Structure formats: structure tokens, C-alpha cells
Amino acid sequence: MIFNVQKPYPTLLRRSAYPASPIYREALEEHIKELMDLGVLRKVGHNEQVEVASPIIIAWHNGKSRMVGEFRALNTYTIPDRYPIHRIHEDINTIVTG
């Protein structure tokens, strides 16, 4: 999937962190450490500019959790596709009834 973002890039998104309980903060730190050990995440230098998404912890009923990114603010900079893909179920209905 390819997304287009406006260039030159607008000012960086700056948002305050979501409030989190100590249990969620501990889970978040564990997820971040695991992703850093796998090489998926890296520490950012103080002079680097990066786009970030606010991490959110989703708790499951079995006591496990997972980390997800909240990208709604980044979506404001995404340019919509002028020619989006057709709705597949409409195309199938057209083939079946046509």
C-alpha cells in the first residue's frame, strides 16, 4: 500500500502523551524494550526530526497486552487517492447480476 504525504513536510506533530496508569506504563516500557531488542525501534538523537505516533496499550482479558500506534493526527497530512480502489462487493454483485 502506498501513501502520499504533503511535501515540503509541515511542522512536526507535537502532542502531549496520553495519561497512563503505572501498569500501562510498565507494559509500554516492556513492549518498547522488546521492539528495540528486535531492531524495529531505535533511540532518536536530540537533533533528529521524526514523525511519531502516540503509543497506546491495548489490554486483553487474559492479562496480556499489545502496543498500537495512534495515527489520526498523521492522517491530516496524507493526500487522499484520486482514484481509489473499487468496492469489491459491488463489483462482485455486478458480475453476478449482470
C-alpha atoms as a PDB file:
ATOM      1  CA  MET A   1       0.000   0.000   0.000  1.00  0.00           C
ATOM      2  CA  ILE A   2       1.408   3.421  -0.933  1.00  0.00           C
ATOM      3  CA  PHE A   3       0.509   6.681   0.790  1.00  0.00           C
ATOM      4  CA  ASN A   4       1.378  10.166  -0.353  1.00  0.00           C
ATOM      5  CA  VAL A   5       2.248  12.834   2.183  1.00  0.00           C
ATOM      6  CA  GLN A   6       2.468  16.559   1.517  1.00  0.00           C
ATOM      7  CA  LYS A   7       5.946  17.894   0.738  1.00  0.00           C
ATOM      8  CA  PRO A   8       7.583  20.005   1.974  1.00  0.00           C
ATOM      9  CA  TYR A   9       6.624  18.471   5.263  1.00  0.00           C
ATOM     10  CA  PRO A  10       4.579  20.699   7.561  1.00  0.00           C
ATOM     11  CA  THR A  11       5.744  21.334  11.089  1.00  0.00           C
ATOM     12  CA  LEU A  12       6.088  18.237  13.203  1.00  0.00           C
ATOM     13  CA  LEU A  13       3.119  16.968  15.125  1.00  0.00           C
ATOM     14  CA  ARG A  14       3.559  17.778  18.770  1.00  0.00           C
ATOM     15  CA  ARG A  15       1.130  16.249  21.187  1.00  0.00           C
ATOM     16  CA  SER A  16       1.157  15.562  24.863  1.00  0.00           C
ATOM     17  CA  ALA A  17       1.277  11.960  25.983  1.00  0.00           C
ATOM     18  CA  TYR A  18      -1.897  10.118  26.821  1.00  0.00           C
ATOM     19  CA  PRO A  19      -2.411   9.582  30.541  1.00  0.00           C
ATOM     20  CA  ALA A  20      -1.466   6.053  31.577  1.00  0.00           C
ATOM     21  CA  SER A  21      -1.598   4.085  34.788  1.00  0.00           C
ATOM     22  CA  PRO A  22       1.634   2.670  36.237  1.00  0.00           C
ATOM     23  CA  ILE A  23       0.636  -0.806  34.995  1.00  0.00           C
ATOM     24  CA  TYR A  24       0.185   0.502  31.428  1.00  0.00           C
ATOM     25  CA  ARG A  25       3.465   2.422  31.608  1.00  0.00           C
ATOM     26  CA  GLU A  26       5.268  -0.751  32.678  1.00  0.00           C
ATOM     27  CA  ALA A  27       3.667  -2.704  29.815  1.00  0.00           C
ATOM     28  CA  LEU A  28       4.605   0.075  27.380  1.00  0.00           C
ATOM     29  CA  GLU A  29       8.230   0.020  28.531  1.00  0.00           C
ATOM     30  CA  GLU A  30       8.327  -3.774  28.091  1.00  0.00           C
ATOM     31  CA  HIS A  31       6.938  -3.533  24.544  1.00  0.00           C
ATOM     32  CA  ILE A  32       9.370  -0.763  23.616  1.00  0.00           C
ATOM     33  CA  LYS A  33      12.332  -2.701  25.035  1.00  0.00           C
ATOM     34  CA  GLU A  34      11.280  -5.809  23.105  1.00  0.00           C
ATOM     35  CA  LEU A  35      10.970  -3.840  19.840  1.00  0.00           C
ATOM     36  CA  MET A  36      14.344  -2.174  20.418  1.00  0.00           C
ATOM     37  CA  ASP A  37      15.957  -5.586  21.036  1.00  0.00           C
ATOM     38  CA  LEU A  38      14.465  -6.826  17.744  1.00  0.00           C
ATOM     39  CA  GLY A  39      15.787  -3.764  15.902  1.00  0.00           C
ATOM     40  CA  VAL A  40      12.330  -2.468  14.978  1.00  0.00           C
ATOM     41  CA  LEU A  41      12.725   0.692  17.073  1.00  0.00           C
ATOM     42  CA  ARG A  42      15.801   2.759  17.749  1.00  0.00           C
ATOM     43  CA  LYS A  43      16.640   5.661  20.011  1.00  0.00           C
ATOM     44  CA  VAL A  44      16.382   9.030  18.319  1.00  0.00           C
ATOM     45  CA  GLY A  45      19.057  11.661  18.755  1.00  0.00           C
ATOM     46  CA  HIS A  46      18.130  15.001  20.278  1.00  0.00           C
ATOM     47  CA  ASN A  47      18.644  16.816  16.967  1.00  0.00           C
ATOM     48  CA  GLU A  48      16.734  14.357  14.720  1.00  0.00           C
ATOM     49  CA  GLN A  49      13.310  15.221  13.385  1.00  0.00           C
ATOM     50  CA  VAL A  50      10.934  12.285  13.179  1.00  0.00           C
ATOM     51  CA  GLU A  51       7.230  11.708  12.814  1.00  0.00           C
ATOM     52  CA  VAL A  52       5.854   9.876  15.794  1.00  0.00           C
ATOM     53  CA  ALA A  53       2.614   8.208  16.713  1.00  0.00           C
ATOM     54  CA  SER A  54       1.377   8.131  20.261  1.00  0.00           C
ATOM     55  CA  PRO A  55       1.724   4.592  21.561  1.00  0.00           C
ATOM     56  CA  ILE A  56      -1.339   3.099  23.202  1.00  0.00           C
ATOM     57  CA  ILE A  57      -1.514  -0.123  25.212  1.00  0.00           C
ATOM     58  CA  ILE A  58      -4.447  -2.418  24.484  1.00  0.00           C
ATOM     59  CA  ALA A  59      -5.107  -4.826  27.361  1.00  0.00           C
ATOM     60  CA  TRP A  60      -6.587  -8.238  26.708  1.00  0.00           C
ATOM     61  CA  HIS A  61      -8.697 -10.201  29.155  1.00  0.00           C
ATOM     62  CA  ASN A  62      -6.021 -12.875  29.621  1.00  0.00           C
ATOM     63  CA  GLY A  63      -3.621 -10.363  31.176  1.00  0.00           C
ATOM     64  CA  LYS A  64      -1.531  -9.842  28.043  1.00  0.00           C
ATOM     65  CA  SER A  65      -1.292  -6.559  26.211  1.00  0.00           C
ATOM     66  CA  ARG A  66      -0.183  -5.184  22.874  1.00  0.00           C
ATOM     67  CA  MET A  67       1.093  -1.811  21.761  1.00  0.00           C
ATOM     68  CA  VAL A  68      -0.543   0.072  18.894  1.00  0.00           C
ATOM     69  CA  GLY A  69       0.117   3.470  17.331  1.00  0.00           C
ATOM     70  CA  GLU A  70      -2.446   6.250  17.120  1.00  0.00           C
ATOM     71  CA  PHE A  71      -2.102   7.812  13.650  1.00  0.00           C
ATOM     72  CA  ARG A  72      -5.180  10.055  13.407  1.00  0.00           C
ATOM     73  CA  ALA A  73      -3.091  13.238  13.552  1.00  0.00           C
ATOM     74  CA  LEU A  74      -0.785  11.945  10.801  1.00  0.00           C
ATOM     75  CA  ASN A  75      -3.815  11.287   8.594  1.00  0.00           C
ATOM     76  CA  THR A  76      -4.368  15.056   8.295  1.00  0.00           C
ATOM     77  CA  TYR A  77      -1.160  15.228   6.216  1.00  0.00           C
ATOM     78  CA  THR A  78      -1.976  12.259   3.986  1.00  0.00           C
ATOM     79  CA  ILE A  79      -3.154  13.111   0.478  1.00  0.00           C
ATOM     80  CA  PRO A  80      -6.200  11.013  -0.475  1.00  0.00           C
ATOM     81  CA  ASP A  81      -6.045   8.879  -3.612  1.00  0.00           C
ATOM     82  CA  ARG A  82      -7.935  10.470  -6.514  1.00  0.00           C
ATOM     83  CA  TYR A  83      -8.788   7.083  -7.961  1.00  0.00           C
ATOM     84  CA  PRO A  84      -9.481   4.773  -5.032  1.00  0.00           C
ATOM     85  CA  ILE A  85      -9.950   1.058  -5.485  1.00  0.00           C
ATOM     86  CA  HIS A  86     -13.473  -0.080  -6.280  1.00  0.00           C
ATOM     87  CA  ARG A  87     -15.613  -1.622  -3.616  1.00  0.00           C
ATOM     88  CA  ILE A  88     -15.069  -5.302  -4.215  1.00  0.00           C
ATOM     89  CA  HIS A  89     -18.509  -6.406  -3.049  1.00  0.00           C
ATOM     90  CA  GLU A  90     -20.147  -4.015  -5.557  1.00  0.00           C
ATOM     91  CA  ASP A  91     -18.015  -5.423  -8.384  1.00  0.00           C
ATOM     92  CA  ILE A  92     -18.939  -8.985  -7.408  1.00  0.00           C
ATOM     93  CA  ASN A  93     -22.642  -8.075  -7.316  1.00  0.00           C
ATOM     94  CA  THR A  94     -22.325  -6.511 -10.779  1.00  0.00           C
ATOM     95  CA  ILE A  95     -20.709  -9.665 -12.165  1.00  0.00           C
ATOM     96  CA  VAL A  96     -23.284 -11.963 -10.553  1.00  0.00           C
ATOM     97  CA  THR A  97     -26.365  -9.944 -11.575  1.00  0.00           C
ATOM     98  CA  GLY A  98     -25.002  -8.768 -14.931  1.00  0.00           C
END
